[in-house]
Amino acid sequence: MEELEKFLMKELKALLGKYEDLYLAPVVRDNGDFLIPLHPHLKKNREAQKRVAEAFSEMMKGDLGKKPRSKAWV
């Protein structure tokens, strides 16, 4: 099994070498899972975009307010 992990790690590093600006080096966890971390600056950008989207969503929800109740009987 260790040979397979070494082979997979070598292949992952070769593949991720093409995307150095997107991902960090892969890591094997204690339980045998491979972890491919996203580059920190991309994580910050995603978090910032998420916060802006949430802020706009909350503002838009606040603008809607309560719907006026229809006085017509249906």
N, C-alpha and C. Protein backbone atom coordinates (compact mmCIF):
# COMPACT_ATOMS: atom_id res chain seq x y z
N MET A 1 0.83 -1.19 0.00
CA MET A 1 0.00 0.00 0.00
C MET A 1 0.87 1.25 0.00
N GLU A 2 1.97 1.19 0.70
CA GLU A 2 2.85 2.35 0.76
C GLU A 2 3.42 2.70 -0.61
N GLU A 3 3.69 1.67 -1.41
CA GLU A 3 4.20 1.91 -2.76
C GLU A 3 3.15 2.64 -3.60
N LEU A 4 1.90 2.25 -3.44
CA LEU A 4 0.82 2.89 -4.18
C LEU A 4 0.68 4.35 -3.77
N GLU A 5 0.78 4.62 -2.47
CA GLU A 5 0.70 6.01 -1.99
C GLU A 5 1.85 6.84 -2.56
N LYS A 6 3.04 6.28 -2.59
CA LYS A 6 4.19 7.00 -3.15
C LYS A 6 3.98 7.29 -4.63
N PHE A 7 3.47 6.30 -5.35
CA PHE A 7 3.21 6.48 -6.78
C PHE A 7 2.15 7.56 -7.00
N LEU A 8 1.05 7.47 -6.24
CA LEU A 8 -0.01 8.47 -6.38
C LEU A 8 0.48 9.87 -6.03
N MET A 9 1.29 9.97 -4.98
CA MET A 9 1.82 11.28 -4.59
C MET A 9 2.70 11.85 -5.69
N LYS A 10 3.52 11.00 -6.30
CA LYS A 10 4.39 11.45 -7.39
C LYS A 10 3.55 11.95 -8.57
N GLU A 11 2.50 11.20 -8.91
CA GLU A 11 1.62 11.59 -10.01
C GLU A 11 0.85 12.89 -9.69
N LEU A 12 0.38 13.00 -8.46
CA LEU A 12 -0.33 14.23 -8.06
C LEU A 12 0.59 15.44 -8.13
N LYS A 13 1.80 15.30 -7.64
CA LYS A 13 2.75 16.42 -7.68
C LYS A 13 3.04 16.82 -9.12
N ALA A 14 3.18 15.84 -10.00
CA ALA A 14 3.44 16.15 -11.41
C ALA A 14 2.25 16.90 -12.02
N LEU A 15 1.04 16.44 -11.72
CA LEU A 15 -0.15 17.09 -12.24
C LEU A 15 -0.32 18.49 -11.67
N LEU A 16 -0.18 18.62 -10.36
CA LEU A 16 -0.38 19.91 -9.71
C LEU A 16 0.74 20.90 -10.01
N GLY A 17 1.88 20.40 -10.46
CA GLY A 17 2.96 21.27 -10.87
C GLY A 17 2.56 22.20 -12.00
N LYS A 18 1.59 21.79 -12.78
CA LYS A 18 1.07 22.61 -13.87
C LYS A 18 0.18 23.74 -13.36
N TYR A 19 -0.28 23.60 -12.11
CA TYR A 19 -1.23 24.56 -11.55
C TYR A 19 -0.72 25.12 -10.23
N GLU A 20 0.56 25.48 -10.20
CA GLU A 20 1.19 25.97 -8.97
C GLU A 20 0.51 27.20 -8.41
N ASP A 21 -0.07 28.02 -9.29
CA ASP A 21 -0.72 29.24 -8.82
C ASP A 21 -2.11 28.97 -8.24
N LEU A 22 -2.61 27.75 -8.39
CA LEU A 22 -3.94 27.41 -7.88
C LEU A 22 -3.91 26.53 -6.63
N TYR A 23 -2.96 25.58 -6.59
CA TYR A 23 -2.94 24.60 -5.51
C TYR A 23 -1.57 24.50 -4.86
N LEU A 24 -1.57 24.12 -3.59
CA LEU A 24 -0.34 23.82 -2.87
C LEU A 24 -0.01 22.34 -3.05
N ALA A 25 1.13 21.93 -2.53
CA ALA A 25 1.54 20.53 -2.65
C ALA A 25 0.56 19.61 -1.91
N PRO A 26 0.26 18.45 -2.48
CA PRO A 26 -0.66 17.53 -1.82
C PRO A 26 -0.05 16.95 -0.55
N VAL A 27 -0.94 16.54 0.35
CA VAL A 27 -0.53 15.99 1.64
C VAL A 27 -1.30 14.70 1.87
N VAL A 28 -0.65 13.70 2.48
CA VAL A 28 -1.34 12.47 2.86
C VAL A 28 -1.64 12.57 4.35
N ARG A 29 -2.90 12.45 4.69
CA ARG A 29 -3.30 12.50 6.10
C ARG A 29 -3.02 11.16 6.78
N ASP A 30 -3.14 11.14 8.09
CA ASP A 30 -2.90 9.93 8.87
C ASP A 30 -3.84 8.79 8.47
N ASN A 31 -5.05 9.14 8.06
CA ASN A 31 -6.02 8.12 7.69
C ASN A 31 -5.86 7.65 6.24
N GLY A 32 -4.87 8.18 5.52
CA GLY A 32 -4.61 7.76 4.16
C GLY A 32 -5.25 8.62 3.09
N ASP A 33 -6.05 9.60 3.50
CA ASP A 33 -6.68 10.50 2.53
C ASP A 33 -5.66 11.48 1.97
N PHE A 34 -5.81 11.79 0.69
CA PHE A 34 -4.97 12.80 0.06
C PHE A 34 -5.69 14.14 0.17
N LEU A 35 -4.94 15.16 0.52
CA LEU A 35 -5.49 16.50 0.64
C LEU A 35 -4.75 17.40 -0.34
N ILE A 36 -5.51 18.10 -1.19
CA ILE A 36 -4.93 19.03 -2.15
C ILE A 36 -5.43 20.42 -1.78
N PRO A 37 -4.63 21.19 -1.04
CA PRO A 37 -5.09 22.51 -0.57
C PRO A 37 -5.12 23.55 -1.68
N LEU A 38 -6.15 24.39 -1.62
CA LEU A 38 -6.27 25.52 -2.52
C LEU A 38 -5.29 26.61 -2.07
N HIS A 39 -4.73 27.34 -3.01
CA HIS A 39 -3.76 28.39 -2.66
C HIS A 39 -4.44 29.42 -1.76
N PRO A 40 -3.74 29.91 -0.72
CA PRO A 40 -4.35 30.84 0.24
C PRO A 40 -4.94 32.11 -0.37
N HIS A 41 -4.29 32.68 -1.38
CA HIS A 41 -4.84 33.92 -1.96
C HIS A 41 -6.18 33.66 -2.66
N LEU A 42 -6.36 32.45 -3.20
CA LEU A 42 -7.65 32.11 -3.82
C LEU A 42 -8.72 31.93 -2.76
N LYS A 43 -8.33 31.38 -1.62
CA LYS A 43 -9.29 31.22 -0.52
C LYS A 43 -9.77 32.58 -0.04
N LYS A 44 -8.85 33.54 0.06
CA LYS A 44 -9.22 34.88 0.50
C LYS A 44 -10.16 35.53 -0.50
N ASN A 45 -9.87 35.37 -1.80
CA ASN A 45 -10.73 35.94 -2.83
C ASN A 45 -12.13 35.34 -2.79
N ARG A 46 -12.20 34.03 -2.62
CA ARG A 46 -13.51 33.37 -2.56
C ARG A 46 -14.29 33.84 -1.35
N GLU A 47 -13.63 33.96 -0.22
CA GLU A 47 -14.30 34.40 1.00
C GLU A 47 -14.80 35.83 0.84
N ALA A 48 -14.00 36.69 0.22
CA ALA A 48 -14.42 38.08 0.00
C ALA A 48 -15.63 38.13 -0.93
N GLN A 49 -15.62 37.36 -1.99
CA GLN A 49 -16.75 37.33 -2.92
C GLN A 49 -18.01 36.81 -2.23
N LYS A 50 -17.83 35.81 -1.39
CA LYS A 50 -18.97 35.25 -0.67
C LYS A 50 -19.58 36.29 0.27
N ARG A 51 -18.74 37.05 0.96
CA ARG A 51 -19.22 38.08 1.88
C ARG A 51 -19.98 39.18 1.13
N VAL A 52 -19.46 39.59 -0.02
CA VAL A 52 -20.14 40.62 -0.81
C VAL A 52 -21.50 40.11 -1.27
N ALA A 53 -21.54 38.87 -1.74
CA ALA A 53 -22.81 38.30 -2.20
C ALA A 53 -23.82 38.21 -1.06
N GLU A 54 -23.36 37.82 0.12
CA GLU A 54 -24.25 37.74 1.28
C GLU A 54 -24.75 39.12 1.68
N ALA A 55 -23.88 40.12 1.62
CA ALA A 55 -24.29 41.48 1.98
C ALA A 55 -25.37 41.99 1.02
N PHE A 56 -25.17 41.79 -0.29
CA PHE A 56 -26.18 42.20 -1.27
C PHE A 56 -27.48 41.45 -1.06
N SER A 57 -27.39 40.18 -0.77
CA SER A 57 -28.59 39.38 -0.54
C SER A 57 -29.38 39.91 0.65
N GLU A 58 -28.69 40.23 1.73
CA GLU A 58 -29.36 40.77 2.92
C GLU A 58 -29.98 42.14 2.64
N MET A 59 -29.27 42.98 1.87
CA MET A 59 -29.82 44.29 1.52
C MET A 59 -31.08 44.14 0.67
N MET A 60 -31.05 43.22 -0.25
CA MET A 60 -32.21 43.03 -1.13
C MET A 60 -33.40 42.47 -0.34
N LYS A 61 -33.12 41.57 0.59
CA LYS A 61 -34.20 41.04 1.43
C LYS A 61 -34.83 42.15 2.25
N GLY A 62 -33.99 43.05 2.75
CA GLY A 62 -34.49 44.17 3.55
C GLY A 62 -35.32 45.14 2.73
N ASP A 63 -34.98 45.31 1.47
CA ASP A 63 -35.73 46.21 0.59
C ASP A 63 -37.12 45.69 0.27
N LEU A 64 -37.27 44.38 0.26
CA LEU A 64 -38.58 43.81 -0.07
C LEU A 64 -39.61 44.13 1.00
N GLY A 65 -39.21 44.04 2.24
CA GLY A 65 -40.15 44.30 3.32
C GLY A 65 -41.30 43.32 3.30
N LYS A 66 -42.36 43.67 3.99
CA LYS A 66 -43.54 42.80 3.99
C LYS A 66 -44.40 43.13 2.78
N LYS A 67 -44.99 42.10 2.22
CA LYS A 67 -45.90 42.30 1.09
C LYS A 67 -47.20 42.89 1.64
N PRO A 68 -47.72 43.88 0.94
CA PRO A 68 -49.00 44.42 1.40
C PRO A 68 -50.10 43.37 1.25
N ARG A 69 -50.94 43.30 2.22
CA ARG A 69 -52.00 42.31 2.21
C ARG A 69 -53.11 42.76 1.25
N SER A 70 -53.51 41.84 0.41
CA SER A 70 -54.56 42.14 -0.56
C SER A 70 -55.89 42.33 0.16
N LYS A 71 -56.60 43.37 -0.22
CA LYS A 71 -57.90 43.63 0.39
C LYS A 71 -59.01 42.93 -0.37
N ALA A 72 -58.67 42.38 -1.50
CA ALA A 72 -59.67 41.66 -2.29
C ALA A 72 -59.86 40.27 -1.72
N TRP A 73 -61.11 39.84 -1.69
CA TRP A 73 -61.39 38.49 -1.20
C TRP A 73 -61.34 37.54 -2.37
N VAL A 74 -60.59 36.46 -2.20
CA VAL A 74 -60.46 35.51 -3.29
C VAL A 74 -61.03 34.18 -2.87
